[in-house]
Amino acid sequence: MPSGVSIYGTIASVTTPPLLQALAGTRPRTLPVWFMRQAGRSLPEYREVRRGVAMLDSCLRPELAAEITLQPVRRHNVDAAIFFSDIMVPLKLAGVGVDIAPGIGPVMDAPVRTASDVAALVTRELGDVSAITDAVRLVVAELSQTPSGDASWTPLIGFAGAPFTLAAYLVEGRPSRDHLAARAMMHADPASWNALLTWCARISGEFMAAQVAAGASAVQLFDSWCGSLSLADYAARVAPFSREALALVEGAPRLHFGTGTGHLLAEMAKGADAVGVDYRTPLDEAASLVPGKPLQGNIDPALLASGWDALEAATRDVVERGRRAPGHVVNLGHGVPPETDPDVLTRLVALIHSLPA
């Protein structure tokens, strides 16, 4: 972030970016838009620079991570960069044996299933984050470079995986549809579950805080799997730990996003400055569930491959429904699919920027 600029407003002559205005609950002149997974496989330039480099390795090479983070900003003219990383990176930095297996996803060397497994894990610290902070500084330095006479700049969003999602991977040992082992531990051994979630909250919070300290202007906590939980279980056994993670971030707006979470939005909003909404819940309904909170979302990613007429109509509907919220950051209701035509995203950004805010 350029010197002399507040996270929430202007304290010099530099204009606050539309993204940060929207996250503060105001309506900027232009609707801000960025896309989850915009820095990734949909871009040919991403595939080129990642060739032959394993996923977690690419996240821990500062120059490479910075380059990938910046690629969609250059191509699409989005209103924010999302830091290129992976929710497994904090686990890797803490010494947990984990790899991203092609075609499978995160795979642990050994699942965390017993009280002794948990007791051994929670002694670990986050570790050296210099590869992350170096990458953040490289990104912020480029994003702060604006054309002569242009007072705008592009913010960087940092992120981390939410405690439940990290715990689900740790307990299951690999991706799972129903997270039965994690949900069983939650009820069978509450003490170990609480210790595990406390640890996950700490390393996620510290990971986000490190990104903010290095220059990120906002953070997003991703909860990929909490939609599998009942409201009662989420409220009692998961939400307090997500709030602990968010509470470790100071001086930057905090977004909280999950998938399949329409029934959880009111709980997710606690401790967050804004709420990300997936494509299943219309934004006007979400606004009534979390009154006073800025919202982010929520174009169905499937529409990126459904033809321009369908995509444009859906986008206009999302923007109209988003007017119920005090601030609205346009995004997808999940990540960019790998097979997406990048030109469609570029055209979509131009459309959103042309719509009345």
Protein backbone atom coordinates (compact mmCIF):
# COMPACT_ATOMS: atom_id res chain seq x y z
CA MET A 1 0.00 0.00 0.00
CA PRO A 2 1.40 3.46 -0.87
CA SER A 3 2.70 5.48 2.06
CA GLY A 4 0.32 8.04 3.50
CA VAL A 5 -2.76 5.89 2.89
CA SER A 6 -5.14 4.53 5.50
CA ILE A 7 -6.72 1.11 5.04
CA TYR A 8 -10.20 2.61 5.35
CA GLY A 9 -9.72 6.08 3.93
CA THR A 10 -7.49 8.77 2.55
CA ILE A 11 -5.07 10.67 4.75
CA ALA A 12 -3.08 12.20 1.94
CA SER A 13 -3.76 12.92 -1.72
CA VAL A 14 -4.10 9.27 -2.72
CA THR A 15 -7.57 7.99 -3.62
CA THR A 16 -8.92 5.06 -1.64
CA PRO A 17 -9.46 2.18 -4.09
CA PRO A 18 -13.07 1.13 -4.82
CA LEU A 19 -12.51 -2.27 -3.18
CA LEU A 20 -11.61 -0.74 0.17
CA GLN A 21 -14.45 1.76 -0.05
CA ALA A 22 -16.93 -1.08 -0.60
CA LEU A 23 -15.47 -3.15 2.24
CA ALA A 24 -15.88 -0.11 4.51
CA GLY A 25 -19.59 -0.10 3.68
CA THR A 26 -19.75 2.73 1.17
CA ARG A 27 -20.56 2.95 -2.53
CA PRO A 28 -17.62 3.95 -4.73
CA ARG A 29 -18.14 5.51 -8.16
CA THR A 30 -17.17 2.24 -9.82
CA LEU A 31 -18.24 -1.22 -8.68
CA PRO A 32 -15.15 -3.14 -7.58
CA VAL A 33 -14.63 -6.64 -8.94
CA TRP A 34 -12.08 -9.41 -8.55
CA PHE A 35 -12.35 -13.18 -8.92
CA MET A 36 -11.45 -15.99 -6.59
CA ARG A 37 -8.78 -18.14 -8.29
CA GLN A 38 -8.16 -15.38 -10.85
CA ALA A 39 -4.44 -16.14 -10.45
CA GLY A 40 -4.39 -19.67 -11.75
CA ARG A 41 -4.91 -22.27 -14.40
CA SER A 42 -7.27 -20.29 -16.61
CA LEU A 43 -4.34 -18.10 -17.72
CA PRO A 44 -1.86 -19.36 -20.32
CA GLU A 45 0.85 -17.16 -18.80
CA TYR A 46 0.27 -18.94 -15.47
CA ARG A 47 0.65 -22.35 -17.03
CA GLU A 48 3.86 -21.17 -18.69
CA VAL A 49 5.58 -19.91 -15.53
CA ARG A 50 4.37 -22.88 -13.46
CA ARG A 51 5.65 -25.50 -15.91
CA GLY A 52 7.68 -28.10 -14.01
CA VAL A 53 7.20 -26.43 -10.61
CA ALA A 54 5.17 -28.18 -7.90
CA MET A 55 2.29 -26.22 -6.42
CA LEU A 56 3.64 -25.70 -2.91
CA ASP A 57 7.09 -24.92 -4.29
CA SER A 58 5.61 -22.21 -6.51
CA CYS A 59 3.93 -20.66 -3.46
CA LEU A 60 7.24 -20.47 -1.62
CA ARG A 61 9.30 -18.85 -4.39
CA PRO A 62 8.73 -15.12 -3.84
CA GLU A 63 9.42 -13.92 -7.38
CA LEU A 64 7.23 -16.63 -8.90
CA ALA A 65 4.37 -16.17 -6.43
CA ALA A 66 4.48 -12.41 -7.02
CA GLU A 67 4.43 -12.81 -10.79
CA ILE A 68 1.43 -15.15 -10.67
CA THR A 69 -0.41 -12.80 -8.29
CA LEU A 70 0.04 -9.90 -10.70
CA GLN A 71 -0.87 -11.68 -13.94
CA PRO A 72 -4.68 -11.30 -13.71
CA VAL A 73 -4.40 -7.66 -12.62
CA ARG A 74 -2.46 -6.87 -15.78
CA ARG A 75 -4.74 -8.90 -18.03
CA HIS A 76 -8.23 -8.25 -16.63
CA ASN A 77 -8.03 -4.80 -14.96
CA VAL A 78 -9.57 -6.23 -11.78
CA ASP A 79 -9.78 -4.04 -8.70
CA ALA A 80 -7.69 -6.28 -6.44
CA ALA A 81 -4.96 -8.86 -6.57
CA ILE A 82 -5.44 -12.02 -4.54
CA PHE A 83 -2.19 -13.34 -3.16
CA PHE A 84 -1.11 -16.53 -4.91
CA SER A 85 -0.73 -19.16 -2.24
CA ASP A 86 -2.53 -22.25 -0.99
CA ILE A 87 -4.40 -23.00 2.21
CA MET A 88 -1.84 -25.76 2.86
CA VAL A 89 1.10 -23.35 2.97
CA PRO A 90 0.80 -22.52 6.71
CA LEU A 91 0.75 -26.25 7.45
CA LYS A 92 3.85 -26.72 5.33
CA LEU A 93 5.60 -23.84 7.10
CA ALA A 94 4.69 -25.42 10.44
CA GLY A 95 6.45 -28.63 9.43
CA VAL A 96 3.37 -30.73 8.68
CA GLY A 97 3.99 -33.37 6.03
CA VAL A 98 1.67 -32.35 3.18
CA ASP A 99 1.75 -32.33 -0.59
CA ILE A 100 -0.65 -31.28 -3.35
CA ALA A 101 -1.18 -34.45 -5.38
CA PRO A 102 -2.13 -33.79 -9.02
CA GLY A 103 -5.74 -34.72 -9.63
CA ILE A 104 -6.36 -35.33 -5.92
CA GLY A 105 -5.51 -32.25 -3.87
CA PRO A 106 -3.89 -31.93 -0.44
CA VAL A 107 -2.62 -35.22 0.97
CA MET A 108 -1.14 -35.54 4.47
CA ASP A 109 1.74 -37.85 5.26
CA ALA A 110 -0.25 -39.01 8.29
CA PRO A 111 -3.81 -38.07 9.34
CA VAL A 112 -4.33 -36.45 12.74
CA ARG A 113 -6.85 -38.82 14.33
CA THR A 114 -6.04 -39.36 18.02
CA ALA A 115 -5.56 -37.21 21.11
CA SER A 116 -1.81 -37.93 20.97
CA ASP A 117 -1.72 -36.91 17.29
CA VAL A 118 -3.32 -33.59 18.19
CA ALA A 119 -1.06 -33.07 21.20
CA ALA A 120 2.02 -33.52 19.02
CA LEU A 121 0.71 -31.23 16.28
CA VAL A 122 -0.20 -28.26 18.45
CA THR A 123 3.36 -27.85 19.68
CA ARG A 124 4.36 -26.69 16.19
CA GLU A 125 4.81 -23.00 15.35
CA LEU A 126 4.05 -21.31 12.04
CA GLY A 127 7.74 -21.03 11.24
CA ASP A 128 9.63 -18.82 8.81
CA VAL A 129 7.22 -16.73 6.72
CA SER A 130 9.87 -14.71 4.90
CA ALA A 131 9.05 -16.32 1.54
CA ILE A 132 5.48 -15.10 1.97
CA THR A 133 6.30 -11.61 3.18
CA ASP A 134 8.95 -11.15 0.48
CA ALA A 135 6.39 -12.07 -2.18
CA VAL A 136 3.79 -9.72 -0.70
CA ARG A 137 6.27 -6.84 -0.73
CA LEU A 138 7.14 -7.51 -4.38
CA VAL A 139 3.47 -7.47 -5.32
CA VAL A 140 2.66 -4.33 -3.35
CA ALA A 141 5.63 -2.52 -4.87
CA GLU A 142 4.29 -3.13 -8.38
CA LEU A 143 0.66 -2.46 -7.51
CA SER A 144 1.65 0.88 -6.02
CA GLN A 145 3.20 2.04 -9.30
CA THR A 146 0.52 4.14 -11.01
CA PRO A 147 0.63 6.17 -14.22
CA SER A 148 1.69 9.79 -13.93
CA GLY A 149 -1.20 11.87 -12.68
CA ASP A 150 -3.26 8.80 -11.70
CA ALA A 151 -3.93 8.72 -7.97
CA SER A 152 -5.40 5.22 -7.96
CA TRP A 153 -3.68 2.04 -6.84
CA THR A 154 -4.65 -1.61 -6.64
CA PRO A 155 -4.91 -3.35 -3.27
CA LEU A 156 -3.66 -6.83 -2.50
CA ILE A 157 -5.88 -9.30 -0.64
CA GLY A 158 -4.14 -11.82 1.57
CA PHE A 159 -5.81 -15.04 2.60
CA ALA A 160 -5.76 -18.22 4.64
CA GLY A 161 -7.84 -21.34 5.08
CA ALA A 162 -10.35 -21.29 7.91
CA PRO A 163 -9.78 -23.53 10.93
CA PHE A 164 -12.46 -26.08 10.05
CA THR A 165 -11.19 -26.56 6.51
CA LEU A 166 -7.61 -27.03 7.74
CA ALA A 167 -8.80 -29.42 10.44
CA ALA A 168 -10.87 -31.39 7.94
CA TYR A 169 -7.82 -31.99 5.75
CA LEU A 170 -5.66 -32.84 8.75
CA VAL A 171 -8.09 -35.36 10.16
CA GLU A 172 -9.25 -36.91 6.87
CA GLY A 173 -5.72 -36.95 5.46
CA ARG A 174 -6.96 -35.97 2.00
CA PRO A 175 -10.00 -34.36 0.35
CA SER A 176 -13.33 -35.77 1.47
CA ARG A 177 -16.91 -35.22 0.39
CA ASP A 178 -18.53 -35.54 3.79
CA HIS A 179 -15.69 -35.07 6.32
CA LEU A 180 -17.00 -37.89 8.47
CA ALA A 181 -13.78 -38.42 10.41
CA ALA A 182 -13.51 -34.72 11.27
CA ARG A 183 -17.16 -34.48 12.28
CA ALA A 184 -16.79 -37.64 14.37
CA MET A 185 -13.80 -36.21 16.27
CA MET A 186 -15.77 -33.02 16.88
CA HIS A 187 -18.31 -35.01 18.92
CA ALA A 188 -16.28 -37.96 20.18
CA ASP A 189 -13.30 -36.01 21.59
CA PRO A 190 -14.29 -32.38 22.14
CA ALA A 191 -11.08 -31.59 24.03
CA SER A 192 -8.85 -32.73 21.18
CA TRP A 193 -11.13 -31.01 18.66
CA ASN A 194 -10.92 -27.72 20.54
CA ALA A 195 -7.13 -28.01 20.77
CA LEU A 196 -6.88 -28.77 17.05
CA LEU A 197 -9.15 -25.87 16.04
CA THR A 198 -7.34 -23.50 18.40
CA TRP A 199 -4.05 -24.38 16.71
CA CYS A 200 -5.50 -24.04 13.22
CA ALA A 201 -6.97 -20.66 14.14
CA ARG A 202 -3.61 -19.47 15.42
CA ILE A 203 -1.57 -20.42 12.37
CA SER A 204 -4.23 -19.12 9.96
CA GLY A 205 -4.50 -15.85 11.85
CA GLU A 206 -0.75 -15.44 12.07
CA PHE A 207 -0.43 -16.23 8.35
CA MET A 208 -2.95 -13.51 7.45
CA ALA A 209 -1.42 -11.04 9.89
CA ALA A 210 2.01 -11.56 8.32
CA GLN A 211 0.60 -10.71 4.90
CA VAL A 212 -1.00 -7.52 6.25
CA ALA A 213 2.24 -6.53 7.99
CA ALA A 214 4.04 -6.91 4.66
CA GLY A 215 1.54 -4.68 2.85
CA ALA A 216 -1.68 -6.57 2.03
CA SER A 217 -4.68 -4.24 2.29
CA ALA A 218 -7.36 -6.80 3.17
CA VAL A 219 -7.65 -10.50 3.97
CA GLN A 220 -10.10 -13.27 3.17
CA LEU A 221 -10.65 -16.35 5.31
CA PHE A 222 -11.72 -19.28 3.11
CA ASP A 223 -13.84 -22.05 4.59
CA SER A 224 -14.20 -24.57 1.80
CA TRP A 225 -15.92 -27.28 3.82
CA CYS A 226 -17.96 -25.70 6.61
CA GLY A 227 -21.11 -25.93 4.52
CA SER A 228 -21.19 -29.61 5.47
CA LEU A 229 -22.00 -28.67 9.07
CA SER A 230 -25.33 -28.01 10.74
CA LEU A 231 -25.90 -24.52 12.07
CA ALA A 232 -25.79 -25.83 15.64
CA ASP A 233 -22.44 -27.57 15.17
CA TYR A 234 -20.95 -24.65 13.29
CA ALA A 235 -22.06 -22.07 15.85
CA ALA A 236 -20.87 -24.05 18.86
CA ARG A 237 -17.83 -25.95 17.60
CA VAL A 238 -16.34 -24.04 14.66
CA ALA A 239 -17.38 -20.37 14.44
CA PRO A 240 -15.57 -19.29 17.65
CA PHE A 241 -12.28 -20.49 16.17
CA SER A 242 -12.83 -18.67 12.86
CA ARG A 243 -13.41 -15.53 14.89
CA GLU A 244 -10.15 -16.19 16.76
CA ALA A 245 -8.29 -16.36 13.44
CA LEU A 246 -9.88 -13.14 12.17
CA ALA A 247 -9.18 -11.37 15.47
CA LEU A 248 -5.44 -11.81 14.92
CA VAL A 249 -5.66 -9.49 11.90
CA GLU A 250 -5.53 -5.77 12.72
CA GLY A 251 -5.63 -2.73 10.48
CA ALA A 252 -7.24 -4.36 7.44
CA PRO A 253 -10.79 -5.32 6.48
CA ARG A 254 -11.55 -9.01 6.94
CA LEU A 255 -13.69 -11.00 4.53
CA HIS A 256 -15.15 -14.38 5.46
CA PHE A 257 -16.19 -16.74 2.66
CA GLY A 258 -17.44 -20.30 2.58
CA THR A 259 -19.24 -22.60 0.17
CA GLY A 260 -22.70 -24.00 0.81
CA THR A 261 -23.02 -21.61 3.74
CA GLY A 262 -26.36 -19.88 3.24
CA HIS A 263 -27.56 -21.30 6.57
CA LEU A 264 -24.38 -20.10 8.31
CA LEU A 265 -24.05 -16.52 7.06
CA ALA A 266 -25.21 -14.83 10.25
CA GLU A 267 -22.62 -16.73 12.28
CA MET A 268 -19.89 -16.16 9.68
CA ALA A 269 -20.54 -12.43 9.80
CA LYS A 270 -19.55 -12.25 13.46
CA GLY A 271 -15.97 -11.05 13.67
CA ALA A 272 -15.81 -10.27 9.93
CA ASP A 273 -16.04 -6.89 8.26
CA ALA A 274 -17.65 -8.30 5.12
CA VAL A 275 -19.15 -11.61 4.04
CA GLY A 276 -18.53 -13.53 0.85
CA VAL A 277 -21.62 -15.29 -0.51
CA ASP A 278 -21.51 -18.33 -2.75
CA TYR A 279 -23.71 -18.70 -5.84
CA ARG A 280 -26.47 -20.62 -4.02
CA THR A 281 -27.80 -17.67 -1.98
CA PRO A 282 -29.15 -14.54 -3.73
CA LEU A 283 -27.46 -11.40 -2.46
CA ASP A 284 -30.68 -9.69 -1.44
CA GLU A 285 -31.46 -12.68 0.80
CA ALA A 286 -27.92 -12.60 2.17
CA ALA A 287 -28.25 -8.89 2.92
CA SER A 288 -31.31 -9.60 5.06
CA LEU A 289 -29.40 -12.28 6.98
CA VAL A 290 -26.39 -10.05 7.72
CA PRO A 291 -27.83 -6.52 7.91
CA GLY A 292 -25.30 -3.73 7.73
CA LYS A 293 -22.48 -5.93 6.39
CA PRO A 294 -20.85 -5.35 3.00
CA LEU A 295 -21.21 -8.36 0.74
CA GLN A 296 -19.02 -10.02 -1.87
CA GLY A 297 -20.22 -12.21 -4.73
CA ASN A 298 -21.84 -14.05 -6.27
CA ILE A 299 -22.00 -14.85 -10.02
CA ASP A 300 -22.30 -18.59 -10.68
CA PRO A 301 -18.93 -19.72 -12.14
CA ALA A 302 -20.79 -22.07 -14.51
CA LEU A 303 -22.09 -19.02 -16.36
CA LEU A 304 -18.57 -18.20 -17.54
CA ALA A 305 -19.05 -21.03 -20.05
CA SER A 306 -22.75 -20.46 -20.74
CA GLY A 307 -22.55 -17.74 -23.38
CA TRP A 308 -22.39 -13.98 -23.04
CA ASP A 309 -26.14 -13.32 -22.95
CA ALA A 310 -26.69 -15.60 -19.96
CA LEU A 311 -23.61 -14.25 -18.17
CA GLU A 312 -24.54 -10.62 -18.72
CA ALA A 313 -28.11 -11.13 -17.53
CA ALA A 314 -26.95 -12.95 -14.40
CA THR A 315 -24.33 -10.30 -13.67
CA ARG A 316 -26.85 -7.49 -13.91
CA ASP A 317 -29.14 -9.42 -11.57
CA VAL A 318 -26.34 -9.96 -9.04
CA VAL A 319 -25.45 -6.25 -9.11
CA GLU A 320 -29.08 -5.26 -8.65
CA ARG A 321 -29.58 -7.63 -5.71
CA GLY A 322 -26.30 -6.42 -4.21
CA ARG A 323 -27.76 -2.95 -3.83
CA ARG A 324 -29.44 -4.20 -0.65
CA ALA A 325 -26.03 -4.23 1.04
CA PRO A 326 -24.20 -1.09 2.17
CA GLY A 327 -21.21 -2.08 0.05
CA HIS A 328 -20.80 -4.67 -2.70
CA VAL A 329 -17.67 -6.27 -4.14
CA VAL A 330 -18.60 -8.19 -7.27
CA ASN A 331 -17.06 -11.65 -7.50
CA LEU A 332 -17.95 -15.17 -8.43
CA GLY A 333 -19.80 -17.43 -6.04
CA HIS A 334 -16.73 -19.69 -6.07
CA GLY A 335 -13.42 -19.83 -7.94
CA VAL A 336 -12.67 -19.40 -11.64
CA PRO A 337 -12.86 -22.83 -13.33
CA PRO A 338 -9.55 -23.82 -14.97
CA GLU A 339 -11.13 -24.15 -18.42
CA THR A 340 -12.47 -20.57 -18.43
CA ASP A 341 -11.69 -18.42 -21.46
CA PRO A 342 -9.67 -15.49 -20.05
CA ASP A 343 -11.23 -13.11 -22.57
CA VAL A 344 -14.62 -13.74 -20.98
CA LEU A 345 -13.29 -12.56 -17.61
CA THR A 346 -11.76 -9.44 -19.17
CA ARG A 347 -15.07 -8.62 -20.87
CA LEU A 348 -16.96 -9.30 -17.64
CA VAL A 349 -14.78 -6.83 -15.72
CA ALA A 350 -15.48 -4.15 -18.34
CA LEU A 351 -19.23 -4.80 -18.05
CA ILE A 352 -19.19 -4.53 -14.26
CA HIS A 353 -17.19 -1.32 -14.39
CA SER A 354 -19.78 0.14 -16.79
CA LEU A 355 -22.76 -0.54 -14.51
CA PRO A 356 -24.07 2.09 -12.09
CA ALA A 357 -22.56 1.56 -8.67
